[in-house]
Amino acid sequence: MASDKSLLSAELNAEMEEAMYEQMLMKAKQDIQSRLPNPVESTQIRPQPGFCIKTKTSKNEKIFINICKSEQIPAPPDLSEEELVSILESDDPSGYRVAMSIGEPHVEIDNSGGGCTAYDIVINNSFFEKIKNNELFREFFITVAMEGLENKYELELSREWRMLKNRRFMGSIFDQNIRTKSKPMIQEVDTTASQPAPKKTLISEITSSPEVPEFTIVAEPPEGHPAFLVAEISLPKVLSVRSLVLDLGEDRIVLLGRPDLYHMDIFIPYNIVQEESGAQFNKDTKVLTITMPVQPA
C-alpha cells in the first residue's frame, strides 16, 4: 500500500512539474508578445532589379546600393526639371518627398572575391524610369537615398559613386514588408519661441514591422530536469536560410527574419549549452528547429 502511495506521489509530482514548465513557457511567450509594438497592416513586396551603384564609407568599406522598383511603392509628384530646381533652391526643399523602402544590409562577395555590403532601396516604377532617363533627377535621388541610408544605419557615405555597367544588382534582392496604411503626416509642435523647428527631410521612408512567429518548445525527457530542449519555429515567409539571424544566449532565443519579416526574443527557464546547440531550417515546411542541450541541475 505504501508503495502504491509513493508511486502516486511521484506521478503527481511529475505532472505538477510538467504543468509548471508549460505555464512558464506560456508566460514567457505572452510576455514577449506584450512587449512588442501593436501589429500593423502590411504587405510583402518582391522588388524588381533596376540598377546598382558602388560607393564606399568613410572607413573605405565598399558599399553597393541596389536601386529597385515596385508598383506598390507610392510615386512622388510628377515634376519637370525646372520645378525640381525651383524646389531645391527654395527655403523649403522638403516640399518634394520621395517614398522609398530601405532594406536591411546583406553581406555579399564582389567580383574580386572580397567582402562587401549591399543595400536594397525600392521606389515606384514610374519614378524609377524618370531617374533612369534624367540625370538631374538621378543625381537628386541618389543623394536623397544616401542620406536615408546614413540616417537609418548611422553610416557616412562618400558622395563619389559610379553606376555598374554590366550588372543590375549586387548579390541577392530580398522581399520587403511595407505598411499598407501610411503613418499620419501630422505632427503637433509647440509654437513657443524657445521650441526649435522640426528637422526637414526629403525622404519619406515606407517602414515595415516584423511579426512574432508561432513556435513551440518541448522538453526531453518531459519529466524532471530536461536533458535538452527542442524549439520549432514556423517561418512561412522565409525564402532562404540566409535571411535568418539566430542568437542563442544562456537563457534566451533571439531570432531575426530579414528583411523585417520576423522578430522574437524568448526567455528560457533553463540554462542551455550554447556551444553544443544546433539549428536546421527545412525549406519545404519552412520550420526552423533548434536543439539545445540543457546544463545539469
C-alpha atoms as a PDB file:
ATOM      1  CA  MET A   1       0.000   0.000   0.000  1.00  0.00           C
ATOM      2  CA  ALA A   2       2.832   2.364   0.858  1.00  0.00           C
ATOM      3  CA  SER A   3       4.438   1.544  -2.461  1.00  0.00           C
ATOM      4  CA  ASP A   4       1.243   2.479  -4.287  1.00  0.00           C
ATOM      5  CA  LYS A   5       1.137   5.802  -2.445  1.00  0.00           C
ATOM      6  CA  SER A   6       4.762   6.558  -3.296  1.00  0.00           C
ATOM      7  CA  LEU A   7       4.147   5.815  -6.982  1.00  0.00           C
ATOM      8  CA  LEU A   8       1.061   8.015  -6.957  1.00  0.00           C
ATOM      9  CA  SER A   9       3.048  10.781  -5.255  1.00  0.00           C
ATOM     10  CA  ALA A  10       5.798  10.545  -7.892  1.00  0.00           C
ATOM     11  CA  GLU A  11       3.254  10.740 -10.710  1.00  0.00           C
ATOM     12  CA  LEU A  12       1.595  13.764  -9.145  1.00  0.00           C
ATOM     13  CA  ASN A  13       4.958  15.492  -8.699  1.00  0.00           C
ATOM     14  CA  ALA A  14       5.848  14.830 -12.353  1.00  0.00           C
ATOM     15  CA  GLU A  15       2.508  16.168 -13.517  1.00  0.00           C
ATOM     16  CA  MET A  16       2.940  19.262 -11.369  1.00  0.00           C
ATOM     17  CA  GLU A  17       6.450  19.885 -12.712  1.00  0.00           C
ATOM     18  CA  GLU A  18       5.241  19.475 -16.294  1.00  0.00           C
ATOM     19  CA  ALA A  19       2.324  21.852 -15.676  1.00  0.00           C
ATOM     20  CA  MET A  20       4.661  24.415 -14.079  1.00  0.00           C
ATOM     21  CA  TYR A  21       7.058  24.152 -17.033  1.00  0.00           C
ATOM     22  CA  GLU A  22       4.262  24.661 -19.557  1.00  0.00           C
ATOM     23  CA  GLN A  23       2.979  27.590 -17.532  1.00  0.00           C
ATOM     24  CA  MET A  24       6.452  29.194 -17.505  1.00  0.00           C
ATOM     25  CA  LEU A  25       6.764  28.791 -21.285  1.00  0.00           C
ATOM     26  CA  MET A  26       3.314  30.270 -21.847  1.00  0.00           C
ATOM     27  CA  LYS A  27       4.107  33.206 -19.582  1.00  0.00           C
ATOM     28  CA  ALA A  28       7.391  33.839 -21.404  1.00  0.00           C
ATOM     29  CA  LYS A  29       5.603  33.807 -24.764  1.00  0.00           C
ATOM     30  CA  GLN A  30       2.875  36.159 -23.536  1.00  0.00           C
ATOM     31  CA  ASP A  31       5.494  38.455 -22.021  1.00  0.00           C
ATOM     32  CA  ILE A  32       7.451  38.887 -25.258  1.00  0.00           C
ATOM     33  CA  GLN A  33       4.283  39.386 -27.282  1.00  0.00           C
ATOM     34  CA  SER A  34       3.035  42.035 -24.849  1.00  0.00           C
ATOM     35  CA  ARG A  35       6.298  43.982 -25.164  1.00  0.00           C
ATOM     36  CA  LEU A  36       6.231  44.103 -28.946  1.00  0.00           C
ATOM     37  CA  PRO A  37       4.505  47.005 -30.722  1.00  0.00           C
ATOM     38  CA  ASN A  38       0.917  46.540 -31.843  1.00  0.00           C
ATOM     39  CA  PRO A  39       0.759  44.817 -35.218  1.00  0.00           C
ATOM     40  CA  VAL A  40       0.112  47.000 -38.225  1.00  0.00           C
ATOM     41  CA  GLU A  41      -1.319  46.104 -41.588  1.00  0.00           C
ATOM     42  CA  SER A  42       1.471  45.312 -44.014  1.00  0.00           C
ATOM     43  CA  THR A  43       2.095  43.552 -47.276  1.00  0.00           C
ATOM     44  CA  GLN A  44       5.103  41.788 -48.719  1.00  0.00           C
ATOM     45  CA  ILE A  45       6.582  43.082 -51.956  1.00  0.00           C
ATOM     46  CA  ARG A  46       9.082  41.494 -54.300  1.00  0.00           C
ATOM     47  CA  PRO A  47      11.309  44.289 -55.676  1.00  0.00           C
ATOM     48  CA  GLN A  48      12.382  44.174 -59.303  1.00  0.00           C
ATOM     49  CA  PRO A  49      16.041  44.935 -60.100  1.00  0.00           C
ATOM     50  CA  GLY A  50      16.868  48.285 -61.668  1.00  0.00           C
ATOM     51  CA  PHE A  51      20.489  49.375 -61.465  1.00  0.00           C
ATOM     52  CA  CYS A  52      23.317  49.231 -58.945  1.00  0.00           C
ATOM     53  CA  ILE A  53      25.720  51.914 -57.777  1.00  0.00           C
ATOM     54  CA  LYS A  54      29.021  51.485 -55.955  1.00  0.00           C
ATOM     55  CA  THR A  55      30.420  53.801 -53.300  1.00  0.00           C
ATOM     56  CA  LYS A  56      32.313  53.498 -50.012  1.00  0.00           C
ATOM     57  CA  THR A  57      32.100  54.533 -46.378  1.00  0.00           C
ATOM     58  CA  SER A  58      34.359  56.940 -44.534  1.00  0.00           C
ATOM     59  CA  LYS A  59      36.277  53.828 -43.383  1.00  0.00           C
ATOM     60  CA  ASN A  60      36.878  52.845 -47.044  1.00  0.00           C
ATOM     61  CA  GLU A  61      34.440  49.912 -46.887  1.00  0.00           C
ATOM     62  CA  LYS A  62      32.838  49.004 -50.214  1.00  0.00           C
ATOM     63  CA  ILE A  63      29.098  49.652 -50.399  1.00  0.00           C
ATOM     64  CA  PHE A  64      26.693  48.636 -53.175  1.00  0.00           C
ATOM     65  CA  ILE A  65      23.191  50.098 -53.411  1.00  0.00           C
ATOM     66  CA  ASN A  66      20.628  48.158 -55.458  1.00  0.00           C
ATOM     67  CA  ILE A  67      18.071  50.631 -56.787  1.00  0.00           C
ATOM     68  CA  CYS A  68      14.916  48.533 -57.254  1.00  0.00           C
ATOM     69  CA  LYS A  69      11.338  49.213 -58.310  1.00  0.00           C
ATOM     70  CA  SER A  70       7.817  48.160 -57.373  1.00  0.00           C
ATOM     71  CA  GLU A  71       4.342  49.346 -58.333  1.00  0.00           C
ATOM     72  CA  GLN A  72       3.329  49.069 -54.664  1.00  0.00           C
ATOM     73  CA  ILE A  73       5.547  51.980 -53.618  1.00  0.00           C
ATOM     74  CA  PRO A  74       3.732  55.342 -53.944  1.00  0.00           C
ATOM     75  CA  ALA A  75       5.005  57.648 -56.687  1.00  0.00           C
ATOM     76  CA  PRO A  76       6.088  61.220 -55.908  1.00  0.00           C
ATOM     77  CA  PRO A  77       4.510  64.125 -57.820  1.00  0.00           C
ATOM     78  CA  ASP A  78       5.492  64.253 -61.485  1.00  0.00           C
ATOM     79  CA  LEU A  79       7.685  67.369 -61.809  1.00  0.00           C
ATOM     80  CA  SER A  80       9.681  68.938 -64.594  1.00  0.00           C
ATOM     81  CA  GLU A  81      13.386  69.739 -64.256  1.00  0.00           C
ATOM     82  CA  GLU A  82      12.552  73.425 -63.799  1.00  0.00           C
ATOM     83  CA  GLU A  83      10.107  72.662 -60.999  1.00  0.00           C
ATOM     84  CA  LEU A  84      12.629  70.417 -59.222  1.00  0.00           C
ATOM     85  CA  VAL A  85      15.339  73.088 -59.439  1.00  0.00           C
ATOM     86  CA  SER A  86      12.926  75.678 -58.114  1.00  0.00           C
ATOM     87  CA  ILE A  87      12.026  73.477 -55.118  1.00  0.00           C
ATOM     88  CA  LEU A  88      15.667  72.687 -54.320  1.00  0.00           C
ATOM     89  CA  GLU A  89      16.579  76.367 -54.411  1.00  0.00           C
ATOM     90  CA  SER A  90      13.630  77.375 -52.219  1.00  0.00           C
ATOM     91  CA  ASP A  91      13.645  77.869 -48.455  1.00  0.00           C
ATOM     92  CA  ASP A  92      11.636  74.668 -48.035  1.00  0.00           C
ATOM     93  CA  PRO A  93      13.242  71.894 -50.148  1.00  0.00           C
ATOM     94  CA  SER A  94      11.233  69.310 -48.225  1.00  0.00           C
ATOM     95  CA  GLY A  95       8.253  70.204 -50.387  1.00  0.00           C
ATOM     96  CA  TYR A  96       9.193  67.324 -52.692  1.00  0.00           C
ATOM     97  CA  ARG A  97       9.208  63.967 -50.898  1.00  0.00           C
ATOM     98  CA  VAL A  98      10.255  60.632 -52.369  1.00  0.00           C
ATOM     99  CA  ALA A  99       8.693  57.478 -50.922  1.00  0.00           C
ATOM    100  CA  MET A 100      11.164  54.614 -50.684  1.00  0.00           C
ATOM    101  CA  SER A 101      11.603  51.343 -48.817  1.00  0.00           C
ATOM    102  CA  ILE A 102      15.104  50.836 -47.425  1.00  0.00           C
ATOM    103  CA  GLY A 103      16.001  47.209 -46.796  1.00  0.00           C
ATOM    104  CA  GLU A 104      18.446  45.747 -44.323  1.00  0.00           C
ATOM    105  CA  PRO A 105      22.161  45.312 -45.146  1.00  0.00           C
ATOM    106  CA  HIS A 106      23.290  41.976 -46.556  1.00  0.00           C
ATOM    107  CA  VAL A 107      26.848  40.734 -46.925  1.00  0.00           C
ATOM    108  CA  GLU A 108      27.937  39.819 -50.460  1.00  0.00           C
ATOM    109  CA  ILE A 109      31.071  38.888 -52.422  1.00  0.00           C
ATOM    110  CA  ASP A 110      32.204  41.274 -55.181  1.00  0.00           C
ATOM    111  CA  ASN A 111      33.933  40.356 -58.469  1.00  0.00           C
ATOM    112  CA  SER A 112      37.368  40.451 -56.860  1.00  0.00           C
ATOM    113  CA  GLY A 113      36.305  37.898 -54.239  1.00  0.00           C
ATOM    114  CA  GLY A 114      36.300  40.408 -51.417  1.00  0.00           C
ATOM    115  CA  GLY A 115      33.529  41.034 -48.926  1.00  0.00           C
ATOM    116  CA  CYS A 116      31.172  43.976 -49.301  1.00  0.00           C
ATOM    117  CA  THR A 117      27.826  45.220 -48.011  1.00  0.00           C
ATOM    118  CA  ALA A 118      24.762  45.723 -50.204  1.00  0.00           C
ATOM    119  CA  TYR A 119      21.508  47.564 -49.540  1.00  0.00           C
ATOM    120  CA  ASP A 120      18.221  47.396 -51.462  1.00  0.00           C
ATOM    121  CA  ILE A 121      16.222  50.596 -51.941  1.00  0.00           C
ATOM    122  CA  VAL A 122      12.814  50.295 -53.617  1.00  0.00           C
ATOM    123  CA  ILE A 123      10.979  53.122 -55.379  1.00  0.00           C
ATOM    124  CA  ASN A 124       7.934  53.417 -57.608  1.00  0.00           C
ATOM    125  CA  ASN A 125       8.190  52.089 -61.185  1.00  0.00           C
ATOM    126  CA  SER A 126       7.355  55.369 -62.898  1.00  0.00           C
ATOM    127  CA  PHE A 127       9.766  57.362 -60.738  1.00  0.00           C
ATOM    128  CA  PHE A 128      12.454  54.769 -61.481  1.00  0.00           C
ATOM    129  CA  GLU A 129      12.011  55.398 -65.216  1.00  0.00           C
ATOM    130  CA  LYS A 130      12.367  59.131 -64.584  1.00  0.00           C
ATOM    131  CA  ILE A 131      15.658  58.844 -62.692  1.00  0.00           C
ATOM    132  CA  LYS A 132      16.920  56.287 -65.197  1.00  0.00           C
ATOM    133  CA  ASN A 133      16.442  58.655 -68.130  1.00  0.00           C
ATOM    134  CA  ASN A 134      17.066  62.023 -66.454  1.00  0.00           C
ATOM    135  CA  GLU A 135      20.476  62.835 -64.993  1.00  0.00           C
ATOM    136  CA  LEU A 136      19.244  65.675 -62.780  1.00  0.00           C
ATOM    137  CA  PHE A 137      16.563  63.541 -61.125  1.00  0.00           C
ATOM    138  CA  ARG A 138      19.015  60.641 -60.857  1.00  0.00           C
ATOM    139  CA  GLU A 139      21.627  62.759 -59.062  1.00  0.00           C
ATOM    140  CA  PHE A 140      18.942  64.189 -56.800  1.00  0.00           C
ATOM    141  CA  PHE A 141      17.508  60.792 -55.876  1.00  0.00           C
ATOM    142  CA  ILE A 142      20.864  59.128 -55.179  1.00  0.00           C
ATOM    143  CA  THR A 143      21.760  61.993 -52.846  1.00  0.00           C
ATOM    144  CA  VAL A 144      18.442  61.543 -51.031  1.00  0.00           C
ATOM    145  CA  ALA A 145      18.872  57.740 -50.930  1.00  0.00           C
ATOM    146  CA  MET A 146      22.345  58.031 -49.409  1.00  0.00           C
ATOM    147  CA  GLU A 147      21.008  60.406 -46.761  1.00  0.00           C
ATOM    148  CA  GLY A 148      18.310  57.836 -45.976  1.00  0.00           C
ATOM    149  CA  LEU A 149      20.895  55.062 -45.536  1.00  0.00           C
ATOM    150  CA  GLU A 150      23.092  57.292 -43.384  1.00  0.00           C
ATOM    151  CA  ASN A 151      20.202  58.251 -41.113  1.00  0.00           C
ATOM    152  CA  LYS A 152      18.847  54.717 -40.763  1.00  0.00           C
ATOM    153  CA  TYR A 153      22.122  52.831 -40.266  1.00  0.00           C
ATOM    154  CA  GLU A 154      24.423  55.568 -38.888  1.00  0.00           C
ATOM    155  CA  LEU A 155      26.739  55.459 -41.894  1.00  0.00           C
ATOM    156  CA  GLU A 156      28.946  58.065 -43.500  1.00  0.00           C
ATOM    157  CA  LEU A 157      28.964  57.537 -47.259  1.00  0.00           C
ATOM    158  CA  SER A 158      31.163  59.098 -49.902  1.00  0.00           C
ATOM    159  CA  ARG A 159      29.273  61.183 -52.456  1.00  0.00           C
ATOM    160  CA  GLU A 160      31.543  59.808 -55.144  1.00  0.00           C
ATOM    161  CA  TRP A 161      29.758  56.905 -56.768  1.00  0.00           C
ATOM    162  CA  ARG A 162      29.515  55.098 -60.071  1.00  0.00           C
ATOM    163  CA  MET A 163      26.836  53.015 -61.726  1.00  0.00           C
ATOM    164  CA  LEU A 164      27.744  49.435 -62.594  1.00  0.00           C
ATOM    165  CA  LYS A 165      27.531  48.800 -66.332  1.00  0.00           C
ATOM    166  CA  ASN A 166      27.387  45.007 -66.521  1.00  0.00           C
ATOM    167  CA  ARG A 167      25.077  44.107 -63.651  1.00  0.00           C
ATOM    168  CA  ARG A 168      21.740  45.388 -62.424  1.00  0.00           C
ATOM    169  CA  PHE A 169      22.195  44.396 -58.801  1.00  0.00           C
ATOM    170  CA  MET A 170      24.791  43.053 -56.383  1.00  0.00           C
ATOM    171  CA  GLY A 171      24.190  39.738 -54.644  1.00  0.00           C
ATOM    172  CA  SER A 172      20.545  38.994 -53.899  1.00  0.00           C
ATOM    173  CA  ILE A 173      17.433  41.146 -53.702  1.00  0.00           C
ATOM    174  CA  PHE A 174      15.224  40.303 -50.745  1.00  0.00           C
ATOM    175  CA  ASP A 175      11.468  40.666 -50.353  1.00  0.00           C
ATOM    176  CA  GLN A 176      10.384  43.555 -48.153  1.00  0.00           C
ATOM    177  CA  ASN A 177       7.377  44.181 -45.922  1.00  0.00           C
ATOM    178  CA  ILE A 178       5.759  47.605 -46.227  1.00  0.00           C
ATOM    179  CA  ARG A 179       2.896  49.200 -44.373  1.00  0.00           C
ATOM    180  CA  THR A 180      -0.387  49.218 -46.229  1.00  0.00           C
ATOM    181  CA  LYS A 181      -1.529  52.191 -44.168  1.00  0.00           C
ATOM    182  CA  SER A 182       0.634  55.285 -44.125  1.00  0.00           C
ATOM    183  CA  LYS A 183       1.766  56.883 -40.902  1.00  0.00           C
ATOM    184  CA  PRO A 184      -0.011  60.111 -40.039  1.00  0.00           C
ATOM    185  CA  MET A 185       1.776  63.048 -41.622  1.00  0.00           C
ATOM    186  CA  ILE A 186       0.527  65.458 -38.912  1.00  0.00           C
ATOM    187  CA  GLN A 187       2.847  66.326 -36.051  1.00  0.00           C
ATOM    188  CA  GLU A 188       1.867  68.588 -33.183  1.00  0.00           C
ATOM    189  CA  VAL A 189       4.601  71.046 -32.194  1.00  0.00           C
ATOM    190  CA  ASP A 190       4.948  73.716 -29.564  1.00  0.00           C
ATOM    191  CA  THR A 191       4.914  77.125 -31.259  1.00  0.00           C
ATOM    192  CA  THR A 192       6.728  78.955 -28.443  1.00  0.00           C
ATOM    193  CA  ALA A 193       9.846  80.868 -29.411  1.00  0.00           C
ATOM    194  CA  SER A 194      12.119  78.550 -27.449  1.00  0.00           C
ATOM    195  CA  GLN A 195      10.934  75.447 -29.357  1.00  0.00           C
ATOM    196  CA  PRO A 196      13.311  74.500 -32.219  1.00  0.00           C
ATOM    197  CA  ALA A 197      11.780  73.933 -35.626  1.00  0.00           C
ATOM    198  CA  PRO A 198      11.383  70.284 -36.682  1.00  0.00           C
ATOM    199  CA  LYS A 199      14.074  68.941 -38.979  1.00  0.00           C
ATOM    200  CA  LYS A 200      13.022  68.904 -42.628  1.00  0.00           C
ATOM    201  CA  THR A 201      13.642  65.959 -44.851  1.00  0.00           C
ATOM    202  CA  LEU A 202      13.278  64.951 -48.469  1.00  0.00           C
ATOM    203  CA  ILE A 203      12.815  61.315 -47.516  1.00  0.00           C
ATOM    204  CA  SER A 204       9.569  59.552 -46.802  1.00  0.00           C
ATOM    205  CA  GLU A 205      10.579  56.013 -45.933  1.00  0.00           C
ATOM    206  CA  ILE A 206       7.987  53.258 -46.047  1.00  0.00           C
ATOM    207  CA  THR A 207       8.594  51.374 -42.832  1.00  0.00           C
ATOM    208  CA  SER A 208       7.959  47.736 -42.146  1.00  0.00           C
ATOM    209  CA  SER A 209       7.066  45.862 -38.999  1.00  0.00           C
ATOM    210  CA  PRO A 210       8.315  42.367 -38.118  1.00  0.00           C
ATOM    211  CA  GLU A 211       5.895  39.875 -36.589  1.00  0.00           C
ATOM    212  CA  VAL A 212       6.366  37.286 -33.850  1.00  0.00           C
ATOM    213  CA  PRO A 213       6.416  33.807 -35.419  1.00  0.00           C
ATOM    214  CA  GLU A 214       4.482  30.865 -33.992  1.00  0.00           C
ATOM    215  CA  PHE A 215       6.662  28.481 -32.018  1.00  0.00           C
ATOM    216  CA  THR A 216       6.645  25.509 -29.654  1.00  0.00           C
ATOM    217  CA  ILE A 217       9.306  24.367 -27.165  1.00  0.00           C
ATOM    218  CA  VAL A 218       9.384  20.755 -25.976  1.00  0.00           C
ATOM    219  CA  ALA A 219      11.481  19.351 -23.123  1.00  0.00           C
ATOM    220  CA  GLU A 220      13.157  15.940 -23.385  1.00  0.00           C
ATOM    221  CA  PRO A 221      12.580  13.996 -21.269  1.00  0.00           C
ATOM    222  CA  PRO A 222       9.233  15.574 -20.406  1.00  0.00           C
ATOM    223  CA  GLU A 223       9.573  14.665 -16.715  1.00  0.00           C
ATOM    224  CA  GLY A 224      12.116  16.066 -14.287  1.00  0.00           C
ATOM    225  CA  HIS A 225      15.043  18.266 -15.305  1.00  0.00           C
ATOM    226  CA  PRO A 226      15.306  18.104 -19.123  1.00  0.00           C
ATOM    227  CA  ALA A 227      18.443  16.926 -20.904  1.00  0.00           C
ATOM    228  CA  PHE A 228      17.689  19.203 -23.861  1.00  0.00           C
ATOM    229  CA  LEU A 229      15.006  21.442 -25.342  1.00  0.00           C
ATOM    230  CA  VAL A 230      13.692  21.403 -28.906  1.00  0.00           C
ATOM    231  CA  ALA A 231      12.207  24.592 -30.334  1.00  0.00           C
ATOM    232  CA  GLU A 232      10.220  24.536 -33.576  1.00  0.00           C
ATOM    233  CA  ILE A 233       9.583  27.957 -35.124  1.00  0.00           C
ATOM    234  CA  SER A 234       7.228  28.400 -38.086  1.00  0.00           C
ATOM    235  CA  LEU A 235       8.580  30.879 -40.658  1.00  0.00           C
ATOM    236  CA  PRO A 236       6.295  30.653 -43.719  1.00  0.00           C
ATOM    237  CA  LYS A 237       7.544  33.945 -45.239  1.00  0.00           C
ATOM    238  CA  VAL A 238      11.236  32.996 -45.216  1.00  0.00           C
ATOM    239  CA  LEU A 239      12.602  32.006 -48.618  1.00  0.00           C
ATOM    240  CA  SER A 240      16.205  31.279 -47.682  1.00  0.00           C
ATOM    241  CA  VAL A 241      18.155  30.479 -44.520  1.00  0.00           C
ATOM    242  CA  ARG A 242      20.440  33.373 -45.467  1.00  0.00           C
ATOM    243  CA  SER A 243      17.769  35.798 -44.302  1.00  0.00           C
ATOM    244  CA  LEU A 244      17.769  34.381 -40.750  1.00  0.00           C
ATOM    245  CA  VAL A 245      19.907  35.668 -37.889  1.00  0.00           C
ATOM    246  CA  LEU A 246      19.855  33.424 -34.797  1.00  0.00           C
ATOM    247  CA  ASP A 247      21.456  34.320 -31.464  1.00  0.00           C
ATOM    248  CA  LEU A 248      21.321  31.851 -28.560  1.00  0.00           C
ATOM    249  CA  GLY A 249      22.051  33.177 -25.098  1.00  0.00           C
ATOM    250  CA  GLU A 250      22.340  31.145 -21.917  1.00  0.00           C
ATOM    251  CA  ASP A 251      18.631  31.527 -21.240  1.00  0.00           C
ATOM    252  CA  ARG A 252      17.035  33.058 -24.339  1.00  0.00           C
ATOM    253  CA  ILE A 253      16.459  32.731 -28.067  1.00  0.00           C
ATOM    254  CA  VAL A 254      16.725  35.804 -30.283  1.00  0.00           C
ATOM    255  CA  LEU A 255      15.723  35.380 -33.931  1.00  0.00           C
ATOM    256  CA  LEU A 256      15.510  37.905 -36.771  1.00  0.00           C
ATOM    257  CA  GLY A 257      13.992  37.158 -40.155  1.00  0.00           C
ATOM    258  CA  ARG A 258      15.189  39.704 -42.681  1.00  0.00           C
ATOM    259  CA  PRO A 259      14.092  41.966 -44.185  1.00  0.00           C
ATOM    260  CA  ASP A 260      11.739  42.939 -41.337  1.00  0.00           C
ATOM    261  CA  LEU A 261       9.796  39.678 -41.565  1.00  0.00           C
ATOM    262  CA  TYR A 262      10.094  38.237 -38.066  1.00  0.00           C
ATOM    263  CA  HIS A 263      11.435  39.125 -34.645  1.00  0.00           C
ATOM    264  CA  MET A 264      11.317  37.078 -31.473  1.00  0.00           C
ATOM    265  CA  ASP A 265      13.121  37.252 -28.129  1.00  0.00           C
ATOM    266  CA  ILE A 266      12.159  34.379 -25.820  1.00  0.00           C
ATOM    267  CA  PHE A 267      13.220  33.709 -22.233  1.00  0.00           C
ATOM    268  CA  ILE A 268      14.010  30.056 -21.461  1.00  0.00           C
ATOM    269  CA  PRO A 269      13.593  28.822 -17.853  1.00  0.00           C
ATOM    270  CA  TYR A 270      16.786  26.740 -18.108  1.00  0.00           C
ATOM    271  CA  ASN A 271      20.448  27.401 -18.840  1.00  0.00           C
ATOM    272  CA  ILE A 272      21.375  25.922 -22.201  1.00  0.00           C
ATOM    273  CA  VAL A 273      24.764  24.817 -23.538  1.00  0.00           C
ATOM    274  CA  GLN A 274      25.241  27.292 -26.378  1.00  0.00           C
ATOM    275  CA  GLU A 275      28.312  25.729 -27.998  1.00  0.00           C
ATOM    276  CA  GLU A 276      26.577  22.343 -28.332  1.00  0.00           C
ATOM    277  CA  SER A 277      23.277  23.679 -29.668  1.00  0.00           C
ATOM    278  CA  GLY A 278      22.291  23.306 -33.303  1.00  0.00           C
ATOM    279  CA  ALA A 279      19.688  24.671 -35.711  1.00  0.00           C
ATOM    280  CA  GLN A 280      18.248  23.434 -39.002  1.00  0.00           C
ATOM    281  CA  PHE A 281      15.830  25.154 -41.399  1.00  0.00           C
ATOM    282  CA  ASN A 282      13.538  22.974 -43.529  1.00  0.00           C
ATOM    283  CA  LYS A 283      12.899  24.761 -46.841  1.00  0.00           C
ATOM    284  CA  ASP A 284       9.819  22.615 -47.546  1.00  0.00           C
ATOM    285  CA  THR A 285       7.986  23.036 -44.242  1.00  0.00           C
ATOM    286  CA  LYS A 286       9.505  26.493 -43.509  1.00  0.00           C
ATOM    287  CA  VAL A 287      10.201  25.373 -39.934  1.00  0.00           C
ATOM    288  CA  LEU A 288      13.373  26.220 -38.017  1.00  0.00           C
ATOM    289  CA  THR A 289      14.278  23.523 -35.489  1.00  0.00           C
ATOM    290  CA  ILE A 290      16.692  24.397 -32.676  1.00  0.00           C
ATOM    291  CA  THR A 291      18.110  21.662 -30.439  1.00  0.00           C
ATOM    292  CA  MET A 292      19.542  22.975 -27.158  1.00  0.00           C
ATOM    293  CA  PRO A 293      21.254  20.783 -24.550  1.00  0.00           C
ATOM    294  CA  VAL A 294      20.425  21.913 -21.013  1.00  0.00           C
ATOM    295  CA  GLN A 295      23.030  22.347 -18.294  1.00  0.00           C
ATOM    296  CA  PRO A 296      22.607  19.841 -15.435  1.00  0.00           C
ATOM    297  CA  ALA A 297      20.627  20.975 -12.428  1.00  0.00           C
END
